[in-house]
Amino acid sequence: MSGPTRRARVLRLATAGPQDTAPLAAAIDRGEVDPATVVAIVGKTEGNGCVNDFTRGYATLALKLLLAERLGCPLAEVEARVAIVMSGGTEGGLSPHLLVFCRVSAGAEAAPSGKRLAIGVGLTRAFRPEEIGRQAQIAATAGAVTAAMRDAGIDRPGDVHFVQIKCPLLTKERIEEAARRGATVATDDTYHSMALSRGASALGVALALGEVDAAPEAAVCRDWSLHSGVASTSAGVELLRNEVVVLGNAAGWAGDLAIDHEVMRDAIDAGAARRVLERLGGETVAVLAKAEAAPSGEIRGRRHTMLDDSDIHSTRHARALVGGVLAGAVGDTLLYVSGGAEHQGPPGGGPVAIIAKV
């Protein structure tokens, strides 16, 4: 039997600002990272995470320019081969950082006794404004998730432990462009468009993985009984397509990395992260999670005020709260915590995934 042909590598790099590509450049210069093996970059920036959070696009452009320079190729080629997902908002103690995902040849490395971390990438076509938050986005996302699983060599949906998606949102300009063509968008509220896009994308994940039998457009941000236990979706102004990164465990991958996850039942469910840590053992390499202010207005029977704050949006409160809970459980603030968990776990909760050396 032939040995594995691929091995996943994950680098966690602290950054000094959205434009800071120096840590990745240094890793490339040291020979620690071959830029040709980079397939995805997921990171946190210190923006507001709202419609006008241009730190995401700033960081994405900086990373594309660095990779294009080191690969000696145009930006379009980088966009075609690397999924870059930047999530704005490092409220509380969350620390800005990058997670660089690489796929390298395992050569003659012996096959491990169990499945190891597998990485797959899928990209949808660009969406028209009137398709955002609607059936077209759900269907295209499901197709991209299936393609990313195939890219990773993951056969079983149960082996998928986290699906990170960057999805678009509506701006006034995009809404007006659709209107000029006689098209009607899902909402005229640009901020609400972020929730609709995240929700439709999450339902696409649930559909692809068989977590739901059907994902109708009417369910988006309405039927909270439909959700995925592994989806993490982040909306941004810097793109028009969905960029999908599937993380799971699969045979045929070498190395010492594995991923596991649980679904936090609410924002203070630190036990979910602790159970994942116990199962994995070893050194923690990355932590990824979703955060949301419980729509009921309560956490375990206690009233919270996140939804009533007119100065700071609830997604920002939720990131700070869940970030603090997970930092206490993991002992680190380099955490990828994304706000807005529509159809990503149960209402008020969300998935938490950990990659570790095993």
Protein backbone atom coordinates (compact mmCIF):
# COMPACT_ATOMS: atom_id res chain seq x y z
CA MET A 1 0.00 0.00 0.00
CA SER A 2 1.40 3.42 -0.92
CA GLY A 3 2.03 5.94 1.83
CA PRO A 4 0.28 9.29 2.28
CA THR A 5 1.00 11.98 -0.27
CA ARG A 6 0.07 15.11 1.69
CA ARG A 7 0.70 16.69 5.05
CA ALA A 8 -1.05 19.71 6.54
CA ARG A 9 0.92 22.48 8.21
CA VAL A 10 -0.56 25.33 10.24
CA LEU A 11 1.36 28.41 11.36
CA ARG A 12 -0.10 30.85 13.89
CA LEU A 13 1.50 34.28 13.49
CA ALA A 14 0.81 37.32 15.68
CA THR A 15 0.40 40.59 13.76
CA ALA A 16 1.02 44.22 14.63
CA GLY A 17 -1.75 45.56 12.39
CA PRO A 18 -3.91 44.72 9.35
CA GLN A 19 -1.04 45.51 6.98
CA ASP A 20 1.53 43.44 8.88
CA THR A 21 2.77 40.68 6.61
CA ALA A 22 6.28 40.74 8.10
CA PRO A 23 5.77 37.59 10.23
CA LEU A 24 4.71 35.57 7.17
CA ALA A 25 7.51 37.08 5.06
CA ALA A 26 10.03 36.14 7.76
CA ALA A 27 8.70 32.57 7.88
CA ILE A 28 9.11 32.35 4.11
CA ASP A 29 12.64 33.78 4.32
CA ARG A 30 13.60 31.22 6.98
CA GLY A 31 12.39 28.43 4.74
CA GLU A 32 9.69 27.59 7.26
CA VAL A 33 6.97 28.20 4.66
CA ASP A 34 7.08 27.56 0.95
CA PRO A 35 4.62 30.13 -0.46
CA ALA A 36 3.67 27.66 -3.19
CA THR A 37 2.16 25.37 -0.51
CA VAL A 38 -0.13 28.01 1.05
CA VAL A 39 -3.77 27.19 0.30
CA ALA A 40 -5.60 29.33 2.88
CA ILE A 41 -5.03 32.12 5.36
CA VAL A 42 -7.55 32.81 8.13
CA GLY A 43 -7.02 35.77 10.41
CA LYS A 44 -8.35 38.34 12.86
CA THR A 45 -7.96 42.08 12.37
CA GLU A 46 -8.66 44.87 14.82
CA GLY A 47 -11.44 46.50 12.81
CA ASN A 48 -15.05 46.85 13.92
CA GLY A 49 -16.32 43.81 12.02
CA CYS A 50 -19.12 45.90 10.51
CA VAL A 51 -20.00 46.92 6.94
CA ASN A 52 -17.33 49.63 6.86
CA ASP A 53 -14.55 47.48 8.32
CA PHE A 54 -11.94 48.02 5.62
CA THR A 55 -9.17 46.43 7.72
CA ARG A 56 -10.29 43.10 6.26
CA GLY A 57 -9.72 44.23 2.67
CA TYR A 58 -6.50 46.00 3.69
CA ALA A 59 -5.13 42.83 5.26
CA THR A 60 -6.31 40.66 2.37
CA LEU A 61 -4.64 42.91 -0.20
CA ALA A 62 -1.39 43.02 1.79
CA LEU A 63 -1.29 39.22 1.93
CA LYS A 64 -2.07 38.87 -1.77
CA LEU A 65 0.71 41.32 -2.67
CA LEU A 66 3.22 39.43 -0.52
CA LEU A 67 2.30 36.05 -2.00
CA ALA A 68 2.28 37.42 -5.56
CA GLU A 69 5.76 38.87 -5.02
CA ARG A 70 7.20 35.68 -3.53
CA LEU A 71 5.53 33.43 -6.13
CA GLY A 72 6.36 35.73 -9.03
CA CYS A 73 2.78 35.68 -10.28
CA PRO A 74 -0.10 38.16 -10.79
CA LEU A 75 -2.66 38.85 -8.07
CA ALA A 76 -5.32 37.01 -10.07
CA GLU A 77 -3.34 33.78 -9.73
CA VAL A 78 -3.10 34.19 -5.97
CA GLU A 79 -6.87 34.78 -5.82
CA ALA A 80 -7.44 31.58 -7.79
CA ARG A 81 -5.28 29.37 -5.56
CA VAL A 82 -5.50 30.81 -2.02
CA ALA A 83 -8.61 31.40 0.11
CA ILE A 84 -8.05 34.40 2.36
CA VAL A 85 -10.56 34.86 5.17
CA MET A 86 -10.06 37.93 7.35
CA SER A 87 -12.50 38.48 10.22
CA GLY A 88 -12.73 41.93 11.76
CA GLY A 89 -13.08 42.55 15.48
CA THR A 90 -10.62 41.77 18.28
CA GLU A 91 -12.67 43.11 21.14
CA GLY A 92 -11.70 42.33 24.73
CA GLY A 93 -8.47 40.36 24.91
CA LEU A 94 -8.57 38.81 21.44
CA SER A 95 -5.19 39.22 19.77
CA PRO A 96 -4.81 39.92 16.02
CA HIS A 97 -3.14 37.06 14.17
CA LEU A 98 -2.95 34.92 11.05
CA LEU A 99 -3.46 31.19 10.64
CA VAL A 100 -1.55 30.06 7.56
CA PHE A 101 -2.67 26.69 6.17
CA CYS A 102 -0.26 24.79 3.93
CA ARG A 103 -0.39 21.48 2.08
CA VAL A 104 3.01 19.90 1.52
CA SER A 105 4.18 16.67 -0.03
CA ALA A 106 4.68 13.99 2.61
CA GLY A 107 7.24 12.17 0.52
CA ALA A 108 8.19 8.82 2.03
CA GLU A 109 6.73 9.72 5.42
CA ALA A 110 5.02 6.77 7.08
CA ALA A 111 1.25 6.72 7.31
CA PRO A 112 -0.07 7.50 10.80
CA SER A 113 -2.20 4.99 12.65
CA GLY A 114 -5.25 7.28 12.45
CA LYS A 115 -6.65 10.10 10.37
CA ARG A 116 -4.80 13.42 10.33
CA LEU A 117 -5.67 17.04 9.59
CA ALA A 118 -6.88 17.52 6.02
CA ILE A 119 -7.44 20.88 4.31
CA GLY A 120 -9.69 21.54 1.33
CA VAL A 121 -10.60 24.77 -0.47
CA GLY A 122 -13.65 25.62 -2.60
CA LEU A 123 -14.71 28.84 -4.30
CA THR A 124 -18.11 29.89 -5.58
CA ARG A 125 -18.70 32.19 -8.51
CA ALA A 126 -19.24 35.87 -7.79
CA PHE A 127 -22.79 36.58 -6.63
CA ARG A 128 -25.04 39.28 -8.00
CA PRO A 129 -26.36 41.58 -5.27
CA GLU A 130 -29.87 40.13 -5.55
CA GLU A 131 -28.51 36.61 -4.88
CA ILE A 132 -26.90 37.42 -1.52
CA GLY A 133 -28.81 35.84 1.36
CA ARG A 134 -30.97 33.84 -1.01
CA GLN A 135 -31.28 30.36 -2.53
CA ALA A 136 -28.55 30.93 -5.10
CA GLN A 137 -26.03 31.54 -2.34
CA ILE A 138 -27.22 28.51 -0.35
CA ALA A 139 -26.92 26.21 -3.37
CA ALA A 140 -23.58 27.54 -4.57
CA THR A 141 -22.12 27.28 -1.09
CA ALA A 142 -23.25 23.68 -0.75
CA GLY A 143 -21.53 22.90 -4.03
CA ALA A 144 -18.31 24.63 -2.94
CA VAL A 145 -18.29 22.72 0.38
CA THR A 146 -18.67 19.43 -1.47
CA ALA A 147 -15.82 20.43 -3.79
CA ALA A 148 -13.62 21.41 -0.82
CA MET A 149 -14.27 18.04 0.86
CA ARG A 150 -13.24 16.32 -2.35
CA ASP A 151 -10.15 18.56 -2.52
CA ALA A 152 -9.25 17.47 1.03
CA GLY A 153 -9.93 13.80 0.41
CA ILE A 154 -12.58 13.73 3.14
CA ASP A 155 -15.19 11.07 2.39
CA ARG A 156 -17.42 11.26 5.47
CA PRO A 157 -19.30 14.38 6.59
CA GLY A 158 -18.62 13.25 10.17
CA ASP A 159 -14.90 13.81 9.57
CA VAL A 160 -15.48 17.51 8.86
CA HIS A 161 -14.88 19.55 12.02
CA PHE A 162 -14.89 23.17 10.81
CA VAL A 163 -15.96 24.92 7.63
CA GLN A 164 -14.75 28.51 7.46
CA ILE A 165 -16.39 30.73 4.85
CA LYS A 166 -15.84 34.32 3.83
CA CYS A 167 -18.98 35.69 2.17
CA PRO A 168 -20.05 39.04 0.68
CA LEU A 169 -22.46 41.69 1.91
CA LEU A 170 -24.60 44.41 0.39
CA THR A 171 -23.50 48.02 0.14
CA LYS A 172 -25.61 50.97 -1.00
CA GLU A 173 -23.73 50.94 -4.29
CA ARG A 174 -24.47 47.24 -4.86
CA ILE A 175 -28.13 47.72 -3.94
CA GLU A 176 -28.45 50.62 -6.39
CA GLU A 177 -26.73 48.65 -9.15
CA ALA A 178 -29.28 45.85 -8.75
CA ALA A 179 -32.14 48.37 -8.78
CA ARG A 180 -30.93 49.84 -12.07
CA ARG A 181 -31.29 46.37 -13.58
CA GLY A 182 -34.77 46.00 -12.09
CA ALA A 183 -33.61 43.44 -9.52
CA THR A 184 -34.71 43.39 -5.87
CA VAL A 185 -32.25 42.57 -3.09
CA ALA A 186 -33.01 40.58 0.06
CA THR A 187 -32.72 43.68 2.27
CA ASP A 188 -31.99 47.40 2.00
CA ASP A 189 -30.26 47.31 5.40
CA THR A 190 -26.57 46.83 4.68
CA TYR A 191 -25.81 45.58 8.19
CA HIS A 192 -28.64 43.05 8.08
CA SER A 193 -27.28 41.86 4.75
CA MET A 194 -24.25 40.55 6.65
CA ALA A 195 -26.50 38.33 8.76
CA LEU A 196 -28.42 37.10 5.71
CA SER A 197 -25.22 36.27 3.85
CA ARG A 198 -23.75 34.48 6.86
CA GLY A 199 -27.00 32.61 7.42
CA ALA A 200 -27.41 31.51 3.80
CA SER A 201 -23.80 30.36 3.70
CA ALA A 202 -24.19 28.38 6.93
CA LEU A 203 -27.30 26.67 5.58
CA GLY A 204 -25.31 25.77 2.49
CA VAL A 205 -22.81 24.00 4.76
CA ALA A 206 -25.58 22.20 6.63
CA LEU A 207 -27.11 21.08 3.34
CA ALA A 208 -23.81 19.80 1.95
CA LEU A 209 -23.03 17.82 5.10
CA GLY A 210 -26.51 16.37 5.49
CA GLU A 211 -27.17 18.23 8.74
CA VAL A 212 -30.49 19.38 7.26
CA ASP A 213 -32.69 17.73 4.64
CA ALA A 214 -33.57 21.01 2.98
CA ALA A 215 -32.49 24.63 3.28
CA PRO A 216 -35.18 26.88 1.79
CA GLU A 217 -34.56 30.56 1.26
CA ALA A 218 -37.47 31.40 3.57
CA ALA A 219 -35.58 29.81 6.47
CA VAL A 220 -32.63 32.24 6.33
CA CYS A 221 -32.49 34.14 9.63
CA ARG A 222 -36.00 32.91 10.47
CA ASP A 223 -36.00 29.19 11.22
CA TRP A 224 -33.33 28.81 13.89
CA SER A 225 -33.99 25.08 14.20
CA LEU A 226 -31.92 24.69 11.02
CA HIS A 227 -28.22 25.03 11.68
CA SER A 228 -24.80 23.52 11.16
CA GLY A 229 -22.57 22.30 13.97
CA VAL A 230 -19.35 23.05 12.07
CA ALA A 231 -20.07 26.16 9.96
CA SER A 232 -18.31 29.46 10.60
CA THR A 233 -19.22 32.25 8.20
CA SER A 234 -17.86 35.79 8.11
CA ALA A 235 -19.23 38.54 5.86
CA GLY A 236 -17.11 41.28 4.34
CA VAL A 237 -17.21 44.10 1.81
CA GLU A 238 -13.97 42.99 0.14
CA LEU A 239 -15.38 40.20 -2.06
CA LEU A 240 -18.42 39.04 -4.02
CA ARG A 241 -17.92 35.27 -3.92
CA ASN A 242 -17.82 32.74 -1.08
CA GLU A 243 -14.39 31.40 -0.20
CA VAL A 244 -14.63 28.05 1.61
CA VAL A 245 -12.03 26.30 3.77
CA VAL A 246 -12.94 22.80 4.98
CA LEU A 247 -10.96 21.41 7.91
CA GLY A 248 -11.31 17.79 8.95
CA ASN A 249 -9.43 14.55 9.48
CA ALA A 250 -8.77 12.05 6.70
CA ALA A 251 -6.69 9.04 5.83
CA GLY A 252 -3.93 9.65 3.33
CA TRP A 253 -2.58 12.62 5.27
CA ALA A 254 0.66 12.42 7.26
CA GLY A 255 1.99 14.57 10.09
CA ASP A 256 1.07 15.09 13.72
CA LEU A 257 -1.90 17.48 13.43
CA ALA A 258 -5.55 16.65 14.07
CA ILE A 259 -8.72 18.66 14.55
CA ASP A 260 -11.76 18.11 16.74
CA HIS A 261 -14.76 20.21 17.68
CA GLU A 262 -17.83 20.58 19.86
CA VAL A 263 -20.80 22.91 19.76
CA MET A 264 -20.94 25.46 22.57
CA ARG A 265 -24.53 25.47 23.81
CA ASP A 266 -24.17 29.10 24.90
CA ALA A 267 -21.57 31.85 25.17
CA ILE A 268 -20.14 30.63 28.49
CA ASP A 269 -19.85 26.95 27.61
CA ALA A 270 -16.13 26.64 28.35
CA GLY A 271 -16.67 22.92 28.98
CA ALA A 272 -17.05 22.34 25.23
CA ALA A 273 -13.51 23.60 24.60
CA ARG A 274 -12.10 21.69 27.55
CA ARG A 275 -13.59 18.43 26.29
CA VAL A 276 -12.02 18.96 22.87
CA LEU A 277 -8.66 19.67 24.49
CA GLU A 278 -8.91 16.50 26.56
CA ARG A 279 -9.70 14.36 23.54
CA LEU A 280 -6.91 15.79 21.42
CA GLY A 281 -4.16 16.13 24.01
CA GLY A 282 -0.85 17.61 22.94
CA GLU A 283 0.05 21.16 21.97
CA THR A 284 -2.71 23.51 20.80
CA VAL A 285 -1.94 24.98 17.39
CA ALA A 286 -5.15 26.91 16.59
CA VAL A 287 -8.57 27.67 18.07
CA LEU A 288 -11.53 28.68 15.90
CA ALA A 289 -15.00 29.56 17.18
CA LYS A 290 -18.24 31.41 16.53
CA ALA A 291 -19.90 33.89 18.88
CA GLU A 292 -23.39 35.32 19.10
CA ALA A 293 -25.50 37.28 21.56
CA ALA A 294 -28.31 34.92 22.57
CA PRO A 295 -31.43 36.17 20.74
CA SER A 296 -33.54 35.27 23.79
CA GLY A 297 -31.83 38.04 25.75
CA GLU A 298 -30.74 35.56 28.41
CA ILE A 299 -27.79 33.29 29.16
CA ARG A 300 -28.80 30.42 31.45
CA GLY A 301 -31.69 32.40 32.82
CA ARG A 302 -29.70 35.58 33.43
CA ARG A 303 -30.57 38.70 31.44
CA HIS A 304 -27.86 40.10 29.17
CA THR A 305 -27.88 43.59 27.62
CA MET A 306 -25.89 42.93 24.44
CA LEU A 307 -28.93 43.36 22.20
CA ASP A 308 -29.97 46.65 23.83
CA ASP A 309 -26.69 48.56 23.46
CA SER A 310 -27.10 51.37 20.91
CA ASP A 311 -23.40 52.29 21.06
CA ILE A 312 -21.74 48.91 20.53
CA HIS A 313 -23.29 46.24 18.32
CA SER A 314 -24.08 42.89 19.89
CA THR A 315 -21.63 41.04 17.62
CA ARG A 316 -18.79 43.01 19.21
CA HIS A 317 -19.98 42.21 22.72
CA ALA A 318 -20.31 38.53 21.80
CA ARG A 319 -16.77 38.29 20.41
CA ALA A 320 -15.35 39.79 23.59
CA LEU A 321 -17.42 37.51 25.83
CA VAL A 322 -16.70 34.25 24.01
CA GLY A 323 -13.08 35.27 23.47
CA GLY A 324 -12.64 35.70 27.22
CA VAL A 325 -14.34 32.41 28.02
CA LEU A 326 -12.19 30.48 25.55
CA ALA A 327 -8.98 32.29 26.52
CA GLY A 328 -9.55 31.16 30.09
CA ALA A 329 -10.11 27.57 28.97
CA VAL A 330 -7.20 27.44 26.52
CA GLY A 331 -4.75 29.78 28.24
CA ASP A 332 -4.11 31.93 25.16
CA THR A 333 -5.62 34.99 23.46
CA LEU A 334 -4.51 34.13 19.91
CA LEU A 335 -8.02 32.94 19.14
CA TYR A 336 -10.07 33.14 15.97
CA VAL A 337 -13.49 34.16 17.29
CA SER A 338 -15.95 35.37 14.67
CA GLY A 339 -19.18 37.19 15.53
CA GLY A 340 -22.62 36.59 14.08
CA ALA A 341 -23.56 32.91 14.37
CA GLU A 342 -26.79 32.77 12.33
CA HIS A 343 -27.51 29.06 11.68
CA GLN A 344 -24.04 28.26 13.06
CA GLY A 345 -24.84 26.17 16.09
CA PRO A 346 -27.96 26.64 18.23
CA PRO A 347 -29.22 30.17 19.01
CA GLY A 348 -26.73 31.83 21.36
CA GLY A 349 -24.13 29.09 20.87
CA GLY A 350 -21.73 28.04 18.15
CA PRO A 351 -19.01 25.61 17.15
CA VAL A 352 -15.51 25.64 18.63
CA ALA A 353 -12.76 23.71 16.88
CA ILE A 354 -9.20 23.10 17.99
CA ILE A 355 -6.20 21.96 15.95
CA ALA A 356 -3.48 20.29 18.00
CA LYS A 357 -0.35 18.20 17.69
CA VAL A 358 -1.30 14.67 18.69
